[in-house]
């Protein structure tokens, strides 16, 4: 990685531009972290209102395939 080059170029920037570079670096880190850790779980938590008593039973129309 070209860390030395990044630092060299950043030192030549104005204070305002340096802040923008820092903001962009933090944005990239947050984006990378989000893509790695983003998991969708418990999507139905609290949303399932009713489940039929015979939910696990095989429907009659499929019994011939069992």
PDB file of N, CA and C in Angstrom:
ATOM      1  N   UNK A   1       0.859  -1.176   0.000  1.00  0.00           N
ATOM      2  CA  UNK A   1       0.000   0.000   0.000  1.00  0.00           C
ATOM      3  C   UNK A   1       0.897   1.229   0.000  1.00  0.00           C
ATOM      4  N   UNK A   2       0.460   2.274  -0.573  1.00  0.00           N
ATOM      5  CA  UNK A   2       1.262   3.482  -0.746  1.00  0.00           C
ATOM      6  C   UNK A   2       0.951   4.508   0.351  1.00  0.00           C
ATOM      7  N   UNK A   3       1.100   4.084   1.615  1.00  0.00           N
ATOM      8  CA  UNK A   3       0.797   4.997   2.728  1.00  0.00           C
ATOM      9  C   UNK A   3       1.681   6.232   2.707  1.00  0.00           C
ATOM     10  N   UNK A   4       2.954   6.040   2.422  1.00  0.00           N
ATOM     11  CA  UNK A   4       3.892   7.170   2.400  1.00  0.00           C
ATOM     12  C   UNK A   4       3.477   8.186   1.346  1.00  0.00           C
ATOM     13  N   UNK A   5       3.028   7.700   0.190  1.00  0.00           N
ATOM     14  CA  UNK A   5       2.594   8.607  -0.874  1.00  0.00           C
ATOM     15  C   UNK A   5       1.323   9.349  -0.472  1.00  0.00           C
ATOM     16  N   UNK A   6       0.416   8.658   0.176  1.00  0.00           N
ATOM     17  CA  UNK A   6      -0.824   9.291   0.634  1.00  0.00           C
ATOM     18  C   UNK A   6      -0.497  10.396   1.635  1.00  0.00           C
ATOM     19  N   UNK A   7       0.372  10.109   2.577  1.00  0.00           N
ATOM     20  CA  UNK A   7       0.745  11.091   3.595  1.00  0.00           C
ATOM     21  C   UNK A   7       1.451  12.275   2.948  1.00  0.00           C
ATOM     22  N   UNK A   8       2.362  11.998   2.012  1.00  0.00           N
ATOM     23  CA  UNK A   8       3.100  13.063   1.324  1.00  0.00           C
ATOM     24  C   UNK A   8       2.140  14.004   0.607  1.00  0.00           C
ATOM     25  N   UNK A   9       1.208  13.438  -0.135  1.00  0.00           N
ATOM     26  CA  UNK A   9       0.249  14.253  -0.885  1.00  0.00           C
ATOM     27  C   UNK A   9      -0.691  15.007   0.063  1.00  0.00           C
ATOM     28  N   UNK A  10      -1.106  14.359   1.148  1.00  0.00           N
ATOM     29  CA  UNK A  10      -2.017  14.998   2.098  1.00  0.00           C
ATOM     30  C   UNK A  10      -1.364  16.184   2.789  1.00  0.00           C
ATOM     31  N   UNK A  11      -0.065  16.119   3.020  1.00  0.00           N
ATOM     32  CA  UNK A  11       0.657  17.222   3.672  1.00  0.00           C
ATOM     33  C   UNK A  11       0.671  18.473   2.819  1.00  0.00           C
ATOM     34  N   UNK A  12       0.530  18.320   1.523  1.00  0.00           N
ATOM     35  CA  UNK A  12       0.553  19.457   0.609  1.00  0.00           C
ATOM     36  C   UNK A  12      -0.815  20.122   0.457  1.00  0.00           C
ATOM     37  N   UNK A  13      -1.830  19.535   1.044  1.00  0.00           N
ATOM     38  CA  UNK A  13      -3.190  20.077   0.936  1.00  0.00           C
ATOM     39  C   UNK A  13      -3.442  21.168   1.968  1.00  0.00           C
ATOM     40  N   UNK A  14      -4.450  21.982   1.689  1.00  0.00           N
ATOM     41  CA  UNK A  14      -4.875  22.989   2.668  1.00  0.00           C
ATOM     42  C   UNK A  14      -5.543  22.277   3.849  1.00  0.00           C
ATOM     43  N   UNK A  15      -5.745  22.992   4.930  1.00  0.00           N
ATOM     44  CA  UNK A  15      -6.380  22.421   6.121  1.00  0.00           C
ATOM     45  C   UNK A  15      -7.793  21.928   5.792  1.00  0.00           C
ATOM     46  N   UNK A  16      -8.510  22.702   5.008  1.00  0.00           N
ATOM     47  CA  UNK A  16      -9.879  22.332   4.634  1.00  0.00           C
ATOM     48  C   UNK A  16      -9.894  21.054   3.793  1.00  0.00           C
ATOM     49  N   UNK A  17      -8.996  20.982   2.827  1.00  0.00           N
ATOM     50  CA  UNK A  17      -8.915  19.790   1.975  1.00  0.00           C
ATOM     51  C   UNK A  17      -8.450  18.572   2.766  1.00  0.00           C
ATOM     52  N   UNK A  18      -7.548  18.790   3.722  1.00  0.00           N
ATOM     53  CA  UNK A  18      -7.101  17.688   4.570  1.00  0.00           C
ATOM     54  C   UNK A  18      -8.262  17.109   5.366  1.00  0.00           C
ATOM     55  N   UNK A  19      -9.155  17.985   5.823  1.00  0.00           N
ATOM     56  CA  UNK A  19     -10.330  17.531   6.565  1.00  0.00           C
ATOM     57  C   UNK A  19     -11.242  16.708   5.662  1.00  0.00           C
ATOM     58  N   UNK A  20     -11.373  17.126   4.408  1.00  0.00           N
ATOM     59  CA  UNK A  20     -12.185  16.365   3.460  1.00  0.00           C
ATOM     60  C   UNK A  20     -11.600  14.977   3.222  1.00  0.00           C
ATOM     61  N   UNK A  21     -10.272  14.909   3.115  1.00  0.00           N
ATOM     62  CA  UNK A  21      -9.606  13.617   2.934  1.00  0.00           C
ATOM     63  C   UNK A  21      -9.883  12.717   4.136  1.00  0.00           C
ATOM     64  N   UNK A  22      -9.750  13.278   5.336  1.00  0.00           N
ATOM     65  CA  UNK A  22     -10.018  12.510   6.548  1.00  0.00           C
ATOM     66  C   UNK A  22     -11.468  12.034   6.580  1.00  0.00           C
ATOM     67  N   UNK A  23     -12.399  12.914   6.239  1.00  0.00           N
ATOM     68  CA  UNK A  23     -13.812  12.533   6.201  1.00  0.00           C
ATOM     69  C   UNK A  23     -14.044  11.381   5.217  1.00  0.00           C
ATOM     70  N   UNK A  24     -13.384  11.442   4.070  1.00  0.00           N
ATOM     71  CA  UNK A  24     -13.546  10.399   3.062  1.00  0.00           C
ATOM     72  C   UNK A  24     -12.976   9.075   3.548  1.00  0.00           C
ATOM     73  N   UNK A  25     -11.834   9.129   4.208  1.00  0.00           N
ATOM     74  CA  UNK A  25     -11.240   7.910   4.769  1.00  0.00           C
ATOM     75  C   UNK A  25     -12.175   7.284   5.791  1.00  0.00           C
ATOM     76  N   UNK A  26     -12.744   8.089   6.659  1.00  0.00           N
ATOM     77  CA  UNK A  26     -13.679   7.578   7.669  1.00  0.00           C
ATOM     78  C   UNK A  26     -14.933   7.003   7.017  1.00  0.00           C
ATOM     79  N   UNK A  27     -15.389   7.655   5.950  1.00  0.00           N
ATOM     80  CA  UNK A  27     -16.541   7.144   5.198  1.00  0.00           C
ATOM     81  C   UNK A  27     -16.236   5.765   4.619  1.00  0.00           C
ATOM     82  N   UNK A  28     -15.051   5.622   4.000  1.00  0.00           N
ATOM     83  CA  UNK A  28     -14.675   4.335   3.411  1.00  0.00           C
ATOM     84  C   UNK A  28     -14.571   3.246   4.471  1.00  0.00           C
ATOM     85  N   UNK A  29     -14.017   3.576   5.629  1.00  0.00           N
ATOM     86  CA  UNK A  29     -13.910   2.591   6.708  1.00  0.00           C
ATOM     87  C   UNK A  29     -15.289   2.161   7.193  1.00  0.00           C
ATOM     88  N   UNK A  30     -16.197   3.122   7.344  1.00  0.00           N
ATOM     89  CA  UNK A  30     -17.556   2.802   7.798  1.00  0.00           C
ATOM     90  C   UNK A  30     -18.281   1.946   6.760  1.00  0.00           C
ATOM     91  N   UNK A  31     -18.102   2.282   5.496  1.00  0.00           N
ATOM     92  CA  UNK A  31     -18.731   1.519   4.414  1.00  0.00           C
ATOM     93  C   UNK A  31     -18.207   0.087   4.391  1.00  0.00           C
ATOM     94  N   UNK A  32     -16.901  -0.066   4.550  1.00  0.00           N
ATOM     95  CA  UNK A  32     -16.292  -1.393   4.561  1.00  0.00           C
ATOM     96  C   UNK A  32     -16.769  -2.212   5.756  1.00  0.00           C
ATOM     97  N   UNK A  33     -16.836  -1.578   6.893  1.00  0.00           N
ATOM     98  CA  UNK A  33     -17.284  -2.269   8.103  1.00  0.00           C
ATOM     99  C   UNK A  33     -18.740  -2.686   7.973  1.00  0.00           C
ATOM    100  N   UNK A  34     -19.555  -1.810   7.407  1.00  0.00           N
ATOM    101  CA  UNK A  34     -20.977  -2.111   7.258  1.00  0.00           C
ATOM    102  C   UNK A  34     -21.182  -3.295   6.326  1.00  0.00           C
ATOM    103  N   UNK A  35     -20.443  -3.341   5.228  1.00  0.00           N
ATOM    104  CA  UNK A  35     -20.626  -4.435   4.281  1.00  0.00           C
ATOM    105  C   UNK A  35     -20.182  -5.774   4.870  1.00  0.00           C
ATOM    106  N   UNK A  36     -19.240  -5.750   5.783  1.00  0.00           N
ATOM    107  CA  UNK A  36     -18.748  -6.986   6.401  1.00  0.00           C
ATOM    108  C   UNK A  36     -19.689  -7.441   7.503  1.00  0.00           C
ATOM    109  N   UNK A  37     -20.187  -6.521   8.303  1.00  0.00           N
ATOM    110  CA  UNK A  37     -20.962  -6.896   9.475  1.00  0.00           C
ATOM    111  C   UNK A  37     -22.472  -6.837   9.274  1.00  0.00           C
ATOM    112  N   UNK A  38     -22.909  -6.344   8.137  1.00  0.00           N
ATOM    113  CA  UNK A  38     -24.347  -6.212   7.928  1.00  0.00           C
ATOM    114  C   UNK A  38     -24.996  -7.580   7.798  1.00  0.00           C
ATOM    115  N   UNK A  39     -25.878  -7.888   8.715  1.00  0.00           N
ATOM    116  CA  UNK A  39     -26.620  -9.135   8.700  1.00  0.00           C
ATOM    117  C   UNK A  39     -28.070  -8.821   8.990  1.00  0.00           C
ATOM    118  N   UNK A  40     -28.921  -9.489   8.294  1.00  0.00           N
ATOM    119  CA  UNK A  40     -30.343  -9.289   8.526  1.00  0.00           C
ATOM    120  C   UNK A  40     -30.870 -10.500   9.262  1.00  0.00           C
ATOM    121  N   UNK A  41     -31.215 -10.302  10.507  1.00  0.00           N
ATOM    122  CA  UNK A  41     -31.780 -11.383  11.289  1.00  0.00           C
ATOM    123  C   UNK A  41     -32.992 -10.851  12.039  1.00  0.00           C
ATOM    124  N   UNK A  42     -33.783 -11.747  12.511  1.00  0.00           N
ATOM    125  CA  UNK A  42     -34.999 -11.398  13.251  1.00  0.00           C
ATOM    126  C   UNK A  42     -35.922 -10.508  12.427  1.00  0.00           C
ATOM    127  N   UNK A  43     -36.005 -10.776  11.133  1.00  0.00           N
ATOM    128  CA  UNK A  43     -36.853  -9.954  10.287  1.00  0.00           C
ATOM    129  C   UNK A  43     -38.331 -10.094  10.651  1.00  0.00           C
ATOM    130  N   UNK A  44     -38.715 -11.255  11.139  1.00  0.00           N
ATOM    131  CA  UNK A  44     -40.109 -11.466  11.496  1.00  0.00           C
ATOM    132  C   UNK A  44     -40.359 -11.293  12.996  1.00  0.00           C
ATOM    133  N   UNK A  45     -39.344 -10.921  13.728  1.00  0.00           N
ATOM    134  CA  UNK A  45     -39.496 -10.784  15.174  1.00  0.00           C
ATOM    135  C   UNK A  45     -40.629  -9.805  15.489  1.00  0.00           C
ATOM    136  N   UNK A  46     -41.636 -10.309  16.151  1.00  0.00           N
ATOM    137  CA  UNK A  46     -42.771  -9.471  16.508  1.00  0.00           C
ATOM    138  C   UNK A  46     -43.759  -9.273  15.369  1.00  0.00           C
ATOM    139  N   UNK A  47     -43.449  -9.753  14.172  1.00  0.00           N
ATOM    140  CA  UNK A  47     -44.313  -9.532  13.020  1.00  0.00           C
ATOM    141  C   UNK A  47     -45.231 -10.694  12.720  1.00  0.00           C
ATOM    142  N   UNK A  48     -44.917 -11.875  13.224  1.00  0.00           N
ATOM    143  CA  UNK A  48     -45.728 -13.053  12.958  1.00  0.00           C
ATOM    144  C   UNK A  48     -46.899 -13.070  13.939  1.00  0.00           C
ATOM    145  N   UNK A  49     -48.085 -12.923  13.419  1.00  0.00           N
ATOM    146  CA  UNK A  49     -49.269 -12.814  14.277  1.00  0.00           C
ATOM    147  C   UNK A  49     -49.993 -14.142  14.471  1.00  0.00           C
ATOM    148  N   UNK A  50     -49.903 -15.008  13.455  1.00  0.00           N
ATOM    149  CA  UNK A  50     -50.688 -16.238  13.525  1.00  0.00           C
ATOM    150  C   UNK A  50     -49.974 -17.336  12.749  1.00  0.00           C
ATOM    151  N   UNK A  51     -49.987 -18.544  13.308  1.00  0.00           N
ATOM    152  CA  UNK A  51     -49.495 -19.721  12.606  1.00  0.00           C
ATOM    153  C   UNK A  51     -50.494 -20.835  12.842  1.00  0.00           C
ATOM    154  N   UNK A  52     -50.921 -21.459  11.766  1.00  0.00           N
ATOM    155  CA  UNK A  52     -51.925 -22.513  11.860  1.00  0.00           C
ATOM    156  C   UNK A  52     -51.406 -23.676  12.694  1.00  0.00           C
ATOM    157  N   UNK A  53     -52.316 -24.335  13.406  1.00  0.00           N
ATOM    158  CA  UNK A  53     -51.949 -25.475  14.243  1.00  0.00           C
ATOM    159  C   UNK A  53     -51.350 -26.608  13.416  1.00  0.00           C
ATOM    160  N   UNK A  54     -51.794 -26.758  12.171  1.00  0.00           N
ATOM    161  CA  UNK A  54     -51.308 -27.843  11.323  1.00  0.00           C
ATOM    162  C   UNK A  54     -50.192 -27.379  10.374  1.00  0.00           C
ATOM    163  N   UNK A  55     -49.466 -26.367  10.756  1.00  0.00           N
ATOM    164  CA  UNK A  55     -48.417 -25.783   9.907  1.00  0.00           C
ATOM    165  C   UNK A  55     -47.402 -26.826   9.442  1.00  0.00           C
ATOM    166  N   UNK A  56     -46.980 -27.717  10.317  1.00  0.00           N
ATOM    167  CA  UNK A  56     -45.951 -28.711   9.988  1.00  0.00           C
ATOM    168  C   UNK A  56     -46.487 -29.949   9.276  1.00  0.00           C
ATOM    169  N   UNK A  57     -47.776 -30.072   9.150  1.00  0.00           N
ATOM    170  CA  UNK A  57     -48.356 -31.247   8.504  1.00  0.00           C
ATOM    171  C   UNK A  57     -48.276 -31.113   6.981  1.00  0.00           C
ATOM    172  N   UNK A  58     -48.069 -32.228   6.314  1.00  0.00           N
ATOM    173  CA  UNK A  58     -48.012 -32.241   4.850  1.00  0.00           C
ATOM    174  C   UNK A  58     -49.417 -32.060   4.294  1.00  0.00           C
ATOM    175  N   UNK A  59     -49.607 -31.141   3.366  1.00  0.00           N
ATOM    176  CA  UNK A  59     -50.924 -30.958   2.749  1.00  0.00           C
ATOM    177  C   UNK A  59     -51.334 -32.223   1.982  1.00  0.00           C
ATOM    178  N   UNK A  60     -52.619 -32.478   1.930  1.00  0.00           N
ATOM    179  CA  UNK A  60     -53.149 -33.680   1.278  1.00  0.00           C
ATOM    180  C   UNK A  60     -52.673 -33.796  -0.163  1.00  0.00           C
ATOM    181  N   UNK A  61     -52.571 -32.704  -0.866  1.00  0.00           N
ATOM    182  CA  UNK A  61     -52.211 -32.763  -2.285  1.00  0.00           C
ATOM    183  C   UNK A  61     -50.744 -33.191  -2.483  1.00  0.00           C
ATOM    184  N   UNK A  62     -49.901 -33.162  -1.446  1.00  0.00           N
ATOM    185  CA  UNK A  62     -48.519 -33.574  -1.556  1.00  0.00           C
ATOM    186  C   UNK A  62     -48.233 -34.956  -0.950  1.00  0.00           C
ATOM    187  N   UNK A  63     -49.208 -35.532  -0.304  1.00  0.00           N
ATOM    188  CA  UNK A  63     -48.980 -36.814   0.371  1.00  0.00           C
ATOM    189  C   UNK A  63     -48.608 -37.929  -0.583  1.00  0.00           C
ATOM    190  N   UNK A  64     -49.077 -37.870  -1.838  1.00  0.00           N
ATOM    191  CA  UNK A  64     -48.726 -38.916  -2.802  1.00  0.00           C
ATOM    192  C   UNK A  64     -47.238 -38.868  -3.166  1.00  0.00           C
ATOM    193  N   UNK A  65     -46.562 -37.764  -2.947  1.00  0.00           N
ATOM    194  CA  UNK A  65     -45.146 -37.644  -3.257  1.00  0.00           C
ATOM    195  C   UNK A  65     -44.255 -38.052  -2.095  1.00  0.00           C
ATOM    196  N   UNK A  66     -44.816 -38.298  -0.959  1.00  0.00           N
ATOM    197  CA  UNK A  66     -44.029 -38.631   0.234  1.00  0.00           C
ATOM    198  C   UNK A  66     -43.768 -40.120   0.306  1.00  0.00           C
TER     199      UNK A  66
END
